[in-house]
């Protein structure tokens, strides 16, 4: 028996998901690395901000692939804020990572359908 997936998790509406994931599609088209695991997130450290997080994997050196998280900020209605997340030290970075809550997850931007 298949579980029904609730696309409106954590009180995030469909139009906000579409707005942010449309940006994920643009990012994926411009991505020189392999981009995946797009997530719309919130953090208690950045109230009133939605965060699009995705993973980039650079496989130009197959013996040593490099994986990084990337972030882009949006207001609560899904409008891009032209900013990213930065931390001043490792302690602040760890605090930020622990504060993240996933509101919506999509493996690849190209499968963006609700």
Protein backbone atom coordinates (compact mmCIF):
# COMPACT_ATOMS: atom_id res chain seq x y z
CA UNK A 1 0.00 0.00 0.00
CA UNK A 2 1.44 3.38 -1.06
CA UNK A 3 1.52 6.27 1.36
CA UNK A 4 0.01 9.51 0.13
CA UNK A 5 2.62 12.26 0.06
CA UNK A 6 1.54 15.49 1.66
CA UNK A 7 3.02 18.20 -0.58
CA UNK A 8 1.83 20.94 1.81
CA UNK A 9 4.14 20.09 4.65
CA UNK A 10 4.85 22.45 7.51
CA UNK A 11 2.24 25.01 6.40
CA UNK A 12 3.92 25.89 3.11
CA UNK A 13 1.44 26.48 0.32
CA UNK A 14 1.62 25.13 -3.20
CA UNK A 15 2.15 28.55 -4.83
CA UNK A 16 5.22 29.19 -2.63
CA UNK A 17 6.64 25.77 -3.47
CA UNK A 18 6.14 26.49 -7.18
CA UNK A 19 7.79 29.92 -6.94
CA UNK A 20 10.86 28.61 -5.15
CA UNK A 21 11.15 25.42 -7.19
CA UNK A 22 10.94 27.46 -10.42
CA UNK A 23 14.15 29.11 -9.19
CA UNK A 24 15.58 25.61 -8.58
CA UNK A 25 14.93 24.79 -12.25
CA UNK A 26 16.91 27.90 -13.27
CA UNK A 27 19.74 26.95 -10.91
CA UNK A 28 19.84 23.42 -12.31
CA UNK A 29 20.11 24.74 -15.89
CA UNK A 30 23.07 26.97 -14.89
CA UNK A 31 24.76 24.36 -12.69
CA UNK A 32 28.22 23.33 -13.90
CA UNK A 33 28.34 20.57 -11.31
CA UNK A 34 25.69 17.95 -10.71
CA UNK A 35 22.90 19.66 -8.70
CA UNK A 36 20.32 17.69 -6.76
CA UNK A 37 18.40 17.30 -3.50
CA UNK A 38 16.57 20.62 -3.63
CA UNK A 39 14.92 21.46 -0.32
CA UNK A 40 12.84 24.35 0.88
CA UNK A 41 13.86 24.91 4.49
CA UNK A 42 13.44 27.20 7.47
CA UNK A 43 15.85 28.05 10.25
CA UNK A 44 15.21 29.54 13.66
CA UNK A 45 18.33 31.63 13.04
CA UNK A 46 16.74 33.31 10.00
CA UNK A 47 13.12 34.01 10.87
CA UNK A 48 10.83 35.28 8.11
CA UNK A 49 13.09 33.62 5.51
CA UNK A 50 12.59 30.54 3.38
CA UNK A 51 15.82 28.88 2.34
CA UNK A 52 16.38 26.88 -0.84
CA UNK A 53 19.18 24.41 -0.18
CA UNK A 54 20.65 22.10 -2.78
CA UNK A 55 23.66 19.86 -3.12
CA UNK A 56 26.29 20.29 -5.81
CA UNK A 57 28.63 17.45 -6.64
CA UNK A 58 31.72 18.25 -8.68
CA UNK A 59 32.91 15.04 -10.32
CA UNK A 60 35.57 16.58 -12.53
CA UNK A 61 38.08 14.54 -10.48
CA UNK A 62 36.39 11.12 -10.21
CA UNK A 63 38.90 10.02 -7.57
CA UNK A 64 37.92 12.92 -5.35
CA UNK A 65 34.38 14.22 -5.88
CA UNK A 66 33.52 17.40 -3.99
CA UNK A 67 30.06 17.83 -2.49
CA UNK A 68 28.81 21.20 -1.22
CA UNK A 69 25.58 22.64 0.09
CA UNK A 70 24.39 25.83 -1.57
CA UNK A 71 21.76 28.22 -0.20
CA UNK A 72 19.53 30.94 -1.54
CA UNK A 73 17.11 33.08 0.48
CA UNK A 74 13.45 33.89 -0.22
CA UNK A 75 10.85 35.86 1.67
CA UNK A 76 7.91 34.01 3.20
CA UNK A 77 5.94 34.34 -0.06
CA UNK A 78 8.67 32.79 -2.23
CA UNK A 79 10.19 35.98 -3.68
CA UNK A 80 13.99 35.76 -4.15
CA UNK A 81 15.96 38.00 -1.80
CA UNK A 82 19.26 37.85 -3.74
CA UNK A 83 21.21 36.69 -0.73
CA UNK A 84 22.77 33.54 0.60
CA UNK A 85 23.65 32.11 4.00
CA UNK A 86 27.05 32.83 5.51
CA UNK A 87 28.47 32.01 8.92
CA UNK A 88 31.36 33.57 10.79
CA UNK A 89 32.85 30.39 12.26
CA UNK A 90 32.37 26.63 12.58
CA UNK A 91 30.28 26.97 15.74
CA UNK A 92 27.80 29.26 14.01
CA UNK A 93 27.75 26.92 10.99
CA UNK A 94 26.94 23.92 13.19
CA UNK A 95 24.21 25.87 14.97
CA UNK A 96 22.72 26.81 11.60
CA UNK A 97 22.78 23.21 10.30
CA UNK A 98 21.07 21.95 13.46
CA UNK A 99 18.38 24.64 13.22
CA UNK A 100 17.27 23.71 9.68
CA UNK A 101 13.85 22.18 9.15
CA UNK A 102 12.84 20.75 5.77
CA UNK A 103 9.48 22.02 4.53
CA UNK A 104 9.60 20.43 1.07
CA UNK A 105 12.08 18.11 -0.66
CA UNK A 106 12.56 17.35 -4.31
CA UNK A 107 15.33 15.11 -5.59
CA UNK A 108 15.79 16.86 -8.95
CA UNK A 109 14.52 20.25 -10.09
CA UNK A 110 13.34 18.83 -13.41
CA UNK A 111 10.67 16.67 -11.71
CA UNK A 112 8.95 19.77 -10.39
CA UNK A 113 5.28 18.80 -10.48
CA UNK A 114 2.68 19.19 -7.77
